[in-house]
Amino acid sequence: SLKDGPLFSVIMPVYNPDPVLLAEAI
């Protein structure tokens, strides 16, 4: 029912995280 709902822009600042944790976040 919400397939045409609002567009969410997920904002992610990135600085030197563990690459594994970064990939999981994405």
mmCIF file of all heavy atoms, coordinates in Angstrom:
data_MODEL
# 
_entry.id   MODEL 
# 
loop_
_atom_site.group_PDB 
_atom_site.id 
_atom_site.type_symbol 
_atom_site.label_atom_id 
_atom_site.label_alt_id 
_atom_site.label_comp_id 
_atom_site.label_asym_id 
_atom_site.label_entity_id 
_atom_site.label_seq_id 
_atom_site.pdbx_PDB_ins_code 
_atom_site.Cartn_x 
_atom_site.Cartn_y 
_atom_site.Cartn_z 
_atom_site.occupancy 
_atom_site.B_iso_or_equiv 
_atom_site.pdbx_formal_charge 
_atom_site.auth_seq_id 
_atom_site.auth_comp_id 
_atom_site.auth_asym_id 
_atom_site.auth_atom_id 
_atom_site.pdbx_PDB_model_num 
ATOM 1   N N   . SER A 1 1  ? 0.812  -1.220 0.000  1.00 0.00 ? 1  SER A N   1 
ATOM 2   C CA  . SER A 1 1  ? 0.000  0.000  0.000  1.00 0.00 ? 1  SER A CA  1 
ATOM 3   C C   . SER A 1 1  ? 0.842  1.265  0.000  1.00 0.00 ? 1  SER A C   1 
ATOM 4   O O   . SER A 1 1  ? 0.375  2.330  -0.433 1.00 0.00 ? 1  SER A O   1 
ATOM 5   C CB  . SER A 1 1  ? -0.949 0.008  1.202  1.00 0.00 ? 1  SER A CB  1 
ATOM 6   O OG  . SER A 1 1  ? -0.230 0.040  2.413  1.00 0.00 ? 1  SER A OG  1 
ATOM 7   N N   . LEU A 1 2  ? 2.097  1.171  0.477  1.00 0.00 ? 2  LEU A N   1 
ATOM 8   C CA  . LEU A 1 2  ? 2.957  2.352  0.569  1.00 0.00 ? 2  LEU A CA  1 
ATOM 9   C C   . LEU A 1 2  ? 4.047  2.370  -0.502 1.00 0.00 ? 2  LEU A C   1 
ATOM 10  O O   . LEU A 1 2  ? 5.024  3.107  -0.384 1.00 0.00 ? 2  LEU A O   1 
ATOM 11  C CB  . LEU A 1 2  ? 3.606  2.421  1.957  1.00 0.00 ? 2  LEU A CB  1 
ATOM 12  C CG  . LEU A 1 2  ? 2.652  2.627  3.131  1.00 0.00 ? 2  LEU A CG  1 
ATOM 13  C CD1 . LEU A 1 2  ? 3.393  2.485  4.453  1.00 0.00 ? 2  LEU A CD1 1 
ATOM 14  C CD2 . LEU A 1 2  ? 1.959  3.978  3.051  1.00 0.00 ? 2  LEU A CD2 1 
ATOM 15  N N   . LYS A 1 3  ? 3.858  1.591  -1.552 1.00 0.00 ? 3  LYS A N   1 
ATOM 16  C CA  . LYS A 1 3  ? 4.909  1.496  -2.569 1.00 0.00 ? 3  LYS A CA  1 
ATOM 17  C C   . LYS A 1 3  ? 5.145  2.820  -3.289 1.00 0.00 ? 3  LYS A C   1 
ATOM 18  O O   . LYS A 1 3  ? 6.218  3.043  -3.862 1.00 0.00 ? 3  LYS A O   1 
ATOM 19  C CB  . LYS A 1 3  ? 4.574  0.401  -3.576 1.00 0.00 ? 3  LYS A CB  1 
ATOM 20  C CG  . LYS A 1 3  ? 3.279  0.615  -4.342 1.00 0.00 ? 3  LYS A CG  1 
ATOM 21  C CD  . LYS A 1 3  ? 2.994  -0.570 -5.256 1.00 0.00 ? 3  LYS A CD  1 
ATOM 22  C CE  . LYS A 1 3  ? 1.679  -0.382 -6.010 1.00 0.00 ? 3  LYS A CE  1 
ATOM 23  N NZ  . LYS A 1 3  ? 1.396  -1.550 -6.889 1.00 0.00 ? 3  LYS A NZ  1 
ATOM 24  N N   . ASP A 1 4  ? 4.151  3.714  -3.263 1.00 0.00 ? 4  ASP A N   1 
ATOM 25  C CA  . ASP A 1 4  ? 4.302  5.035  -3.863 1.00 0.00 ? 4  ASP A CA  1 
ATOM 26  C C   . ASP A 1 4  ? 4.433  6.120  -2.793 1.00 0.00 ? 4  ASP A C   1 
ATOM 27  O O   . ASP A 1 4  ? 4.121  7.289  -3.039 1.00 0.00 ? 4  ASP A O   1 
ATOM 28  C CB  . ASP A 1 4  ? 3.105  5.346  -4.758 1.00 0.00 ? 4  ASP A CB  1 
ATOM 29  C CG  . ASP A 1 4  ? 3.024  4.404  -5.953 1.00 0.00 ? 4  ASP A CG  1 
ATOM 30  O OD1 . ASP A 1 4  ? 4.085  4.062  -6.501 1.00 0.00 ? 4  ASP A OD1 1 
ATOM 31  O OD2 . ASP A 1 4  ? 1.905  3.996  -6.311 1.00 0.00 ? 4  ASP A OD2 1 
ATOM 32  N N   . GLY A 1 5  ? 4.922  5.718  -1.633 1.00 0.00 ? 5  GLY A N   1 
ATOM 33  C CA  . GLY A 1 5  ? 5.079  6.656  -0.523 1.00 0.00 ? 5  GLY A CA  1 
ATOM 34  C C   . GLY A 1 5  ? 6.237  7.607  -0.735 1.00 0.00 ? 5  GLY A C   1 
ATOM 35  O O   . GLY A 1 5  ? 6.896  7.603  -1.784 1.00 0.00 ? 5  GLY A O   1 
ATOM 36  N N   . PRO A 1 6  ? 6.531  8.431  0.264  1.00 0.00 ? 6  PRO A N   1 
ATOM 37  C CA  . PRO A 1 6  ? 7.564  9.460  0.120  1.00 0.00 ? 6  PRO A CA  1 
ATOM 38  C C   . PRO A 1 6  ? 8.958  8.870  -0.061 1.00 0.00 ? 6  PRO A C   1 
ATOM 39  O O   . PRO A 1 6  ? 9.254  7.772  0.404  1.00 0.00 ? 6  PRO A O   1 
ATOM 40  C CB  . PRO A 1 6  ? 7.465  10.239 1.429  1.00 0.00 ? 6  PRO A CB  1 
ATOM 41  C CG  . PRO A 1 6  ? 6.909  9.252  2.411  1.00 0.00 ? 6  PRO A CG  1 
ATOM 42  C CD  . PRO A 1 6  ? 5.947  8.420  1.625  1.00 0.00 ? 6  PRO A CD  1 
ATOM 43  N N   . LEU A 1 7  ? 9.802  9.630  -0.743 1.00 0.00 ? 7  LEU A N   1 
ATOM 44  C CA  . LEU A 1 7  ? 11.194 9.236  -0.917 1.00 0.00 ? 7  LEU A CA  1 
ATOM 45  C C   . LEU A 1 7  ? 11.989 9.653  0.311  1.00 0.00 ? 7  LEU A C   1 
ATOM 46  O O   . LEU A 1 7  ? 11.968 10.817 0.721  1.00 0.00 ? 7  LEU A O   1 
ATOM 47  C CB  . LEU A 1 7  ? 11.774 9.906  -2.163 1.00 0.00 ? 7  LEU A CB  1 
ATOM 48  C CG  . LEU A 1 7  ? 13.278 9.679  -2.413 1.00 0.00 ? 7  LEU A CG  1 
ATOM 49  C CD1 . LEU A 1 7  ? 13.556 8.207  -2.704 1.00 0.00 ? 7  LEU A CD1 1 
ATOM 50  C CD2 . LEU A 1 7  ? 13.773 10.568 -3.550 1.00 0.00 ? 7  LEU A CD2 1 
ATOM 51  N N   . PHE A 1 8  ? 12.690 8.691  0.913  1.00 0.00 ? 8  PHE A N   1 
ATOM 52  C CA  . PHE A 1 8  ? 13.580 8.976  2.035  1.00 0.00 ? 8  PHE A CA  1 
ATOM 53  C C   . PHE A 1 8  ? 15.011 9.100  1.521  1.00 0.00 ? 8  PHE A C   1 
ATOM 54  O O   . PHE A 1 8  ? 15.502 8.215  0.811  1.00 0.00 ? 8  PHE A O   1 
ATOM 55  C CB  . PHE A 1 8  ? 13.527 7.856  3.085  1.00 0.00 ? 8  PHE A CB  1 
ATOM 56  C CG  . PHE A 1 8  ? 12.246 7.803  3.857  1.00 0.00 ? 8  PHE A CG  1 
ATOM 57  C CD1 . PHE A 1 8  ? 11.245 6.915  3.504  1.00 0.00 ? 8  PHE A CD1 1 
ATOM 58  C CD2 . PHE A 1 8  ? 12.042 8.635  4.943  1.00 0.00 ? 8  PHE A CD2 1 
ATOM 59  C CE1 . PHE A 1 8  ? 10.064 6.849  4.212  1.00 0.00 ? 8  PHE A CE1 1 
ATOM 60  C CE2 . PHE A 1 8  ? 10.855 8.584  5.660  1.00 0.00 ? 8  PHE A CE2 1 
ATOM 61  C CZ  . PHE A 1 8  ? 9.863  7.687  5.295  1.00 0.00 ? 8  PHE A CZ  1 
ATOM 62  N N   . SER A 1 9  ? 15.672 10.175 1.891  1.00 0.00 ? 9  SER A N   1 
ATOM 63  C CA  . SER A 1 9  ? 17.090 10.339 1.592  1.00 0.00 ? 9  SER A CA  1 
ATOM 64  C C   . SER A 1 9  ? 17.868 9.997  2.864  1.00 0.00 ? 9  SER A C   1 
ATOM 65  O O   . SER A 1 9  ? 17.844 10.749 3.844  1.00 0.00 ? 9  SER A O   1 
ATOM 66  C CB  . SER A 1 9  ? 17.395 11.774 1.160  1.00 0.00 ? 9  SER A CB  1 
ATOM 67  O OG  . SER A 1 9  ? 16.726 12.090 -0.043 1.00 0.00 ? 9  SER A OG  1 
ATOM 68  N N   . VAL A 1 10 ? 18.520 8.844  2.863  1.00 0.00 ? 10 VAL A N   1 
ATOM 69  C CA  . VAL A 1 10 ? 19.303 8.412  4.019  1.00 0.00 ? 10 VAL A CA  1 
ATOM 70  C C   . VAL A 1 10 ? 20.677 9.079  3.914  1.00 0.00 ? 10 VAL A C   1 
ATOM 71  O O   . VAL A 1 10 ? 21.412 8.866  2.955  1.00 0.00 ? 10 VAL A O   1 
ATOM 72  C CB  . VAL A 1 10 ? 19.441 6.880  4.059  1.00 0.00 ? 10 VAL A CB  1 
ATOM 73  C CG1 . VAL A 1 10 ? 20.240 6.453  5.295  1.00 0.00 ? 10 VAL A CG1 1 
ATOM 74  C CG2 . VAL A 1 10 ? 18.054 6.228  4.066  1.00 0.00 ? 10 VAL A CG2 1 
ATOM 75  N N   . ILE A 1 11 ? 21.008 9.897  4.900  1.00 0.00 ? 11 ILE A N   1 
ATOM 76  C CA  . ILE A 1 11 ? 22.223 10.709 4.893  1.00 0.00 ? 11 ILE A CA  1 
ATOM 77  C C   . ILE A 1 11 ? 23.294 10.019 5.726  1.00 0.00 ? 11 ILE A C   1 
ATOM 78  O O   . ILE A 1 11 ? 23.102 9.777  6.917  1.00 0.00 ? 11 ILE A O   1 
ATOM 79  C CB  . ILE A 1 11 ? 21.947 12.113 5.454  1.00 0.00 ? 11 ILE A CB  1 
ATOM 80  C CG1 . ILE A 1 11 ? 20.789 12.771 4.705  1.00 0.00 ? 11 ILE A CG1 1 
ATOM 81  C CG2 . ILE A 1 11 ? 23.201 12.972 5.404  1.00 0.00 ? 11 ILE A CG2 1 
ATOM 82  C CD1 . ILE A 1 11 ? 20.985 12.921 3.229  1.00 0.00 ? 11 ILE A CD1 1 
ATOM 83  N N   . MET A 1 12 ? 24.432 9.695  5.100  1.00 0.00 ? 12 MET A N   1 
ATOM 84  C CA  . MET A 1 12 ? 25.491 8.979  5.804  1.00 0.00 ? 12 MET A CA  1 
ATOM 85  C C   . MET A 1 12 ? 26.848 9.665  5.610  1.00 0.00 ? 12 MET A C   1 
ATOM 86  O O   . MET A 1 12 ? 27.455 9.561  4.545  1.00 0.00 ? 12 MET A O   1 
ATOM 87  C CB  . MET A 1 12 ? 25.584 7.523  5.328  1.00 0.00 ? 12 MET A CB  1 
ATOM 88  C CG  . MET A 1 12 ? 26.682 6.724  6.036  1.00 0.00 ? 12 MET A CG  1 
ATOM 89  S SD  . MET A 1 12 ? 26.965 5.081  5.312  1.00 0.00 ? 12 MET A SD  1 
ATOM 90  C CE  . MET A 1 12 ? 25.525 4.210  5.902  1.00 0.00 ? 12 MET A CE  1 
ATOM 91  N N   . PRO A 1 13 ? 27.346 10.367 6.640  1.00 0.00 ? 13 PRO A N   1 
ATOM 92  C CA  . PRO A 1 13 ? 28.719 10.855 6.595  1.00 0.00 ? 13 PRO A CA  1 
ATOM 93  C C   . PRO A 1 13 ? 29.668 9.704  6.944  1.00 0.00 ? 13 PRO A C   1 
ATOM 94  O O   . PRO A 1 13 ? 29.394 8.935  7.871  1.00 0.00 ? 13 PRO A O   1 
ATOM 95  C CB  . PRO A 1 13 ? 28.743 11.945 7.667  1.00 0.00 ? 13 PRO A CB  1 
ATOM 96  C CG  . PRO A 1 13 ? 27.679 11.534 8.636  1.00 0.00 ? 13 PRO A CG  1 
ATOM 97  C CD  . PRO A 1 13 ? 26.632 10.787 7.857  1.00 0.00 ? 13 PRO A CD  1 
ATOM 98  N N   . VAL A 1 14 ? 30.753 9.575  6.210  1.00 0.00 ? 14 VAL A N   1 
ATOM 99  C CA  . VAL A 1 14 ? 31.652 8.435  6.402  1.00 0.00 ? 14 VAL A CA  1 
ATOM 100 C C   . VAL A 1 14 ? 33.072 8.932  6.636  1.00 0.00 ? 14 VAL A C   1 
ATOM 101 O O   . VAL A 1 14 ? 33.614 9.708  5.837  1.00 0.00 ? 14 VAL A O   1 
ATOM 102 C CB  . VAL A 1 14 ? 31.634 7.503  5.168  1.00 0.00 ? 14 VAL A CB  1 
ATOM 103 C CG1 . VAL A 1 14 ? 32.718 6.430  5.284  1.00 0.00 ? 14 VAL A CG1 1 
ATOM 104 C CG2 . VAL A 1 14 ? 30.268 6.854  5.019  1.00 0.00 ? 14 VAL A CG2 1 
ATOM 105 N N   . TYR A 1 15 ? 33.666 8.474  7.750  1.00 0.00 ? 15 TYR A N   1 
ATOM 106 C CA  . TYR A 1 15 ? 35.087 8.753  7.971  1.00 0.00 ? 15 TYR A CA  1 
ATOM 107 C C   . TYR A 1 15 ? 35.754 7.552  8.631  1.00 0.00 ? 15 TYR A C   1 
ATOM 108 O O   . TYR A 1 15 ? 35.534 7.265  9.804  1.00 0.00 ? 15 TYR A O   1 
ATOM 109 C CB  . TYR A 1 15 ? 35.319 10.001 8.820  1.00 0.00 ? 15 TYR A CB  1 
ATOM 110 C CG  . TYR A 1 15 ? 36.799 10.242 9.038  1.00 0.00 ? 15 TYR A CG  1 
ATOM 111 C CD1 . TYR A 1 15 ? 37.598 10.698 7.994  1.00 0.00 ? 15 TYR A CD1 1 
ATOM 112 C CD2 . TYR A 1 15 ? 37.396 9.963  10.258 1.00 0.00 ? 15 TYR A CD2 1 
ATOM 113 C CE1 . TYR A 1 15 ? 38.963 10.879 8.157  1.00 0.00 ? 15 TYR A CE1 1 
ATOM 114 C CE2 . TYR A 1 15 ? 38.761 10.146 10.437 1.00 0.00 ? 15 TYR A CE2 1 
ATOM 115 C CZ  . TYR A 1 15 ? 39.527 10.609 9.380  1.00 0.00 ? 15 TYR A CZ  1 
ATOM 116 O OH  . TYR A 1 15 ? 40.884 10.761 9.547  1.00 0.00 ? 15 TYR A OH  1 
ATOM 117 N N   . ASN A 1 16 ? 36.500 6.841  7.871  1.00 0.00 ? 16 ASN A N   1 
ATOM 118 C CA  . ASN A 1 16 ? 37.405 5.789  8.334  1.00 0.00 ? 16 ASN A CA  1 
ATOM 119 C C   . ASN A 1 16 ? 36.765 4.737  9.249  1.00 0.00 ? 16 ASN A C   1 
ATOM 120 O O   . ASN A 1 16 ? 37.364 4.338  10.248 1.00 0.00 ? 16 ASN A O   1 
ATOM 121 C CB  . ASN A 1 16 ? 38.607 6.411  9.059  1.00 0.00 ? 16 ASN A CB  1 
ATOM 122 C CG  . ASN A 1 16 ? 39.862 5.595  8.838  1.00 0.00 ? 16 ASN A CG  1 
ATOM 123 O OD1 . ASN A 1 16 ? 40.098 5.093  7.736  1.00 0.00 ? 16 ASN A OD1 1 
ATOM 124 N ND2 . ASN A 1 16 ? 40.679 5.450  9.868  1.00 0.00 ? 16 ASN A ND2 1 
ATOM 125 N N   . PRO A 1 17 ? 35.571 4.242  8.929  1.00 0.00 ? 17 PRO A N   1 
ATOM 126 C CA  . PRO A 1 17 ? 35.000 3.170  9.737  1.00 0.00 ? 17 PRO A CA  1 
ATOM 127 C C   . PRO A 1 17 ? 35.653 1.831  9.390  1.00 0.00 ? 17 PRO A C   1 
ATOM 128 O O   . PRO A 1 17 ? 36.391 1.720  8.398  1.00 0.00 ? 17 PRO A O   1 
ATOM 129 C CB  . PRO A 1 17 ? 33.534 3.171  9.313  1.00 0.00 ? 17 PRO A CB  1 
ATOM 130 C CG  . PRO A 1 17 ? 33.595 3.584  7.877  1.00 0.00 ? 17 PRO A CG  1 
ATOM 131 C CD  . PRO A 1 17 ? 34.711 4.590  7.781  1.00 0.00 ? 17 PRO A CD  1 
ATOM 132 N N   . ASP A 1 18 ? 35.371 0.833  10.186 1.00 0.00 ? 18 ASP A N   1 
ATOM 133 C CA  . ASP A 1 18 ? 35.736 -0.533 9.824  1.00 0.00 ? 18 ASP A CA  1 
ATOM 134 C C   . ASP A 1 18 ? 34.993 -0.861 8.525  1.00 0.00 ? 18 ASP A C   1 
ATOM 135 O O   . ASP A 1 18 ? 33.768 -0.766 8.466  1.00 0.00 ? 18 ASP A O   1 
ATOM 136 C CB  . ASP A 1 18 ? 35.303 -1.482 10.943 1.00 0.00 ? 18 ASP A CB  1 
ATOM 137 C CG  . ASP A 1 18 ? 35.672 -2.936 10.687 1.00 0.00 ? 18 ASP A CG  1 
ATOM 138 O OD1 . ASP A 1 18 ? 35.620 -3.374 9.516  1.00 0.00 ? 18 ASP A OD1 1 
ATOM 139 O OD2 . ASP A 1 18 ? 35.978 -3.654 11.654 1.00 0.00 ? 18 ASP A OD2 1 
ATOM 140 N N   . PRO A 1 19 ? 35.709 -1.240 7.454  1.00 0.00 ? 19 PRO A N   1 
ATOM 141 C CA  . PRO A 1 19 ? 35.032 -1.506 6.178  1.00 0.00 ? 19 PRO A CA  1 
ATOM 142 C C   . PRO A 1 19 ? 33.932 -2.556 6.281  1.00 0.00 ? 19 PRO A C   1 
ATOM 143 O O   . PRO A 1 19 ? 32.922 -2.470 5.568  1.00 0.00 ? 19 PRO A O   1 
ATOM 144 C CB  . PRO A 1 19 ? 36.177 -1.974 5.272  1.00 0.00 ? 19 PRO A CB  1 
ATOM 145 C CG  . PRO A 1 19 ? 37.397 -1.335 5.841  1.00 0.00 ? 19 PRO A CG  1 
ATOM 146 C CD  . PRO A 1 19 ? 37.170 -1.339 7.333  1.00 0.00 ? 19 PRO A CD  1 
ATOM 147 N N   . VAL A 1 20 ? 34.107 -3.540 7.157  1.00 0.00 ? 20 VAL A N   1 
ATOM 148 C CA  . VAL A 1 20 ? 33.084 -4.576 7.329  1.00 0.00 ? 20 VAL A CA  1 
ATOM 149 C C   . VAL A 1 20 ? 31.809 -3.968 7.911  1.00 0.00 ? 20 VAL A C   1 
ATOM 150 O O   . VAL A 1 20 ? 30.697 -4.241 7.444  1.00 0.00 ? 20 VAL A O   1 
ATOM 151 C CB  . VAL A 1 20 ? 33.600 -5.712 8.233  1.00 0.00 ? 20 VAL A CB  1 
ATOM 152 C CG1 . VAL A 1 20 ? 32.475 -6.704 8.535  1.00 0.00 ? 20 VAL A CG1 1 
ATOM 153 C CG2 . VAL A 1 20 ? 34.773 -6.427 7.571  1.00 0.00 ? 20 VAL A CG2 1 
ATOM 154 N N   . LEU A 1 21 ? 31.958 -3.115 8.929  1.00 0.00 ? 21 LEU A N   1 
ATOM 155 C CA  . LEU A 1 21 ? 30.793 -2.484 9.539  1.00 0.00 ? 21 LEU A CA  1 
ATOM 156 C C   . LEU A 1 21 ? 30.127 -1.513 8.567  1.00 0.00 ? 21 LEU A C   1 
ATOM 157 O O   . LEU A 1 21 ? 28.898 -1.390 8.538  1.00 0.00 ? 21 LEU A O   1 
ATOM 158 C CB  . LEU A 1 21 ? 31.197 -1.759 10.823 1.00 0.00 ? 21 LEU A CB  1 
ATOM 159 C CG  . LEU A 1 21 ? 31.784 -2.628 11.938 1.00 0.00 ? 21 LEU A CG  1 
ATOM 160 C CD1 . LEU A 1 21 ? 32.074 -1.778 13.171 1.00 0.00 ? 21 LEU A CD1 1 
ATOM 161 C CD2 . LEU A 1 21 ? 30.857 -3.776 12.295 1.00 0.00 ? 21 LEU A CD2 1 
ATOM 162 N N   . LEU A 1 22 ? 30.927 -0.829 7.773  1.00 0.00 ? 22 LEU A N   1 
ATOM 163 C CA  . LEU A 1 22 ? 30.382 0.078  6.770  1.00 0.00 ? 22 LEU A CA  1 
ATOM 164 C C   . LEU A 1 22 ? 29.530 -0.681 5.752  1.00 0.00 ? 22 LEU A C   1 
ATOM 165 O O   . LEU A 1 22 ? 28.418 -0.256 5.405  1.00 0.00 ? 22 LEU A O   1 
ATOM 166 C CB  . LEU A 1 22 ? 31.515 0.820  6.067  1.00 0.00 ? 22 LEU A CB  1 
ATOM 167 C CG  . LEU A 1 22 ? 31.128 1.709  4.883  1.00 0.00 ? 22 LEU A CG  1 
ATOM 168 C CD1 . LEU A 1 22 ? 30.169 2.808  5.317  1.00 0.00 ? 22 LEU A CD1 1 
ATOM 169 C CD2 . LEU A 1 22 ? 32.373 2.292  4.230  1.00 0.00 ? 22 LEU A CD2 1 
ATOM 170 N N   . ALA A 1 23 ? 30.054 -1.811 5.287  1.00 0.00 ? 23 ALA A N   1 
ATOM 171 C CA  . ALA A 1 23 ? 29.303 -2.620 4.319  1.00 0.00 ? 23 ALA A CA  1 
ATOM 172 C C   . ALA A 1 23 ? 28.000 -3.122 4.924  1.00 0.00 ? 23 ALA A C   1 
ATOM 173 O O   . ALA A 1 23 ? 26.954 -3.151 4.250  1.00 0.00 ? 23 ALA A O   1 
ATOM 174 C CB  . ALA A 1 23 ? 30.159 -3.789 3.844  1.00 0.00 ? 23 ALA A CB  1 
ATOM 175 N N   . GLU A 1 24 ? 28.027 -3.487 6.207  1.00 0.00 ? 24 GLU A N   1 
ATOM 176 C CA  . GLU A 1 24 ? 26.802 -3.949 6.864  1.00 0.00 ? 24 GLU A CA  1 
ATOM 177 C C   . GLU A 1 24 ? 25.794 -2.815 7.008  1.00 0.00 ? 24 GLU A C   1 
ATOM 178 O O   . GLU A 1 24 ? 24.579 -3.025 6.862  1.00 0.00 ? 24 GLU A O   1 
ATOM 179 C CB  . GLU A 1 24 ? 27.141 -4.535 8.236  1.00 0.00 ? 24 GLU A CB  1 
ATOM 180 C CG  . GLU A 1 24 ? 27.896 -5.863 8.166  1.00 0.00 ? 24 GLU A CG  1 
ATOM 181 C CD  . GLU A 1 24 ? 28.232 -6.408 9.544  1.00 0.00 ? 24 GLU A CD  1 
ATOM 182 O OE1 . GLU A 1 24 ? 27.961 -5.702 10.542 1.00 0.00 ? 24 GLU A OE1 1 
ATOM 183 O OE2 . GLU A 1 24 ? 28.767 -7.527 9.622  1.00 0.00 ? 24 GLU A OE2 1 
ATOM 184 N N   . ALA A 1 25 ? 26.274 -1.614 7.292  1.00 0.00 ? 25 ALA A N   1 
ATOM 185 C CA  . ALA A 1 25 ? 25.377 -0.463 7.402  1.00 0.00 ? 25 ALA A CA  1 
ATOM 186 C C   . ALA A 1 25 ? 24.678 -0.205 6.071  1.00 0.00 ? 25 ALA A C   1 
ATOM 187 O O   . ALA A 1 25 ? 23.464 0.035  6.022  1.00 0.00 ? 25 ALA A O   1 
ATOM 188 C CB  . ALA A 1 25 ? 26.161 0.771  7.848  1.00 0.00 ? 25 ALA A CB  1 
ATOM 189 N N   . ILE A 1 26 ? 25.435 -0.273 4.989  1.00 0.00 ? 26 ILE A N   1 
ATOM 190 C CA  . ILE A 1 26 ? 24.857 -0.066 3.660  1.00 0.00 ? 26 ILE A CA  1 
ATOM 191 C C   . ILE A 1 26 ? 23.844 -1.154 3.337  1.00 0.00 ? 26 ILE A C   1 
ATOM 192 O O   . ILE A 1 26 ? 22.749 -0.886 2.826  1.00 0.00 ? 26 ILE A O   1 
ATOM 193 C CB  . ILE A 1 26 ? 25.967 -0.008 2.599  1.00 0.00 ? 26 ILE A CB  1 
ATOM 194 C CG1 . ILE A 1 26 ? 26.828 1.237  2.811  1.00 0.00 ? 26 ILE A CG1 1 
ATOM 195 C CG2 . ILE A 1 26 ? 25.384 -0.022 1.185  1.00 0.00 ? 26 ILE A CG2 1 
ATOM 196 C CD1 . ILE A 1 26 ? 28.069 1.287  1.949  1.00 0.00 ? 26 ILE A CD1 1 
# 
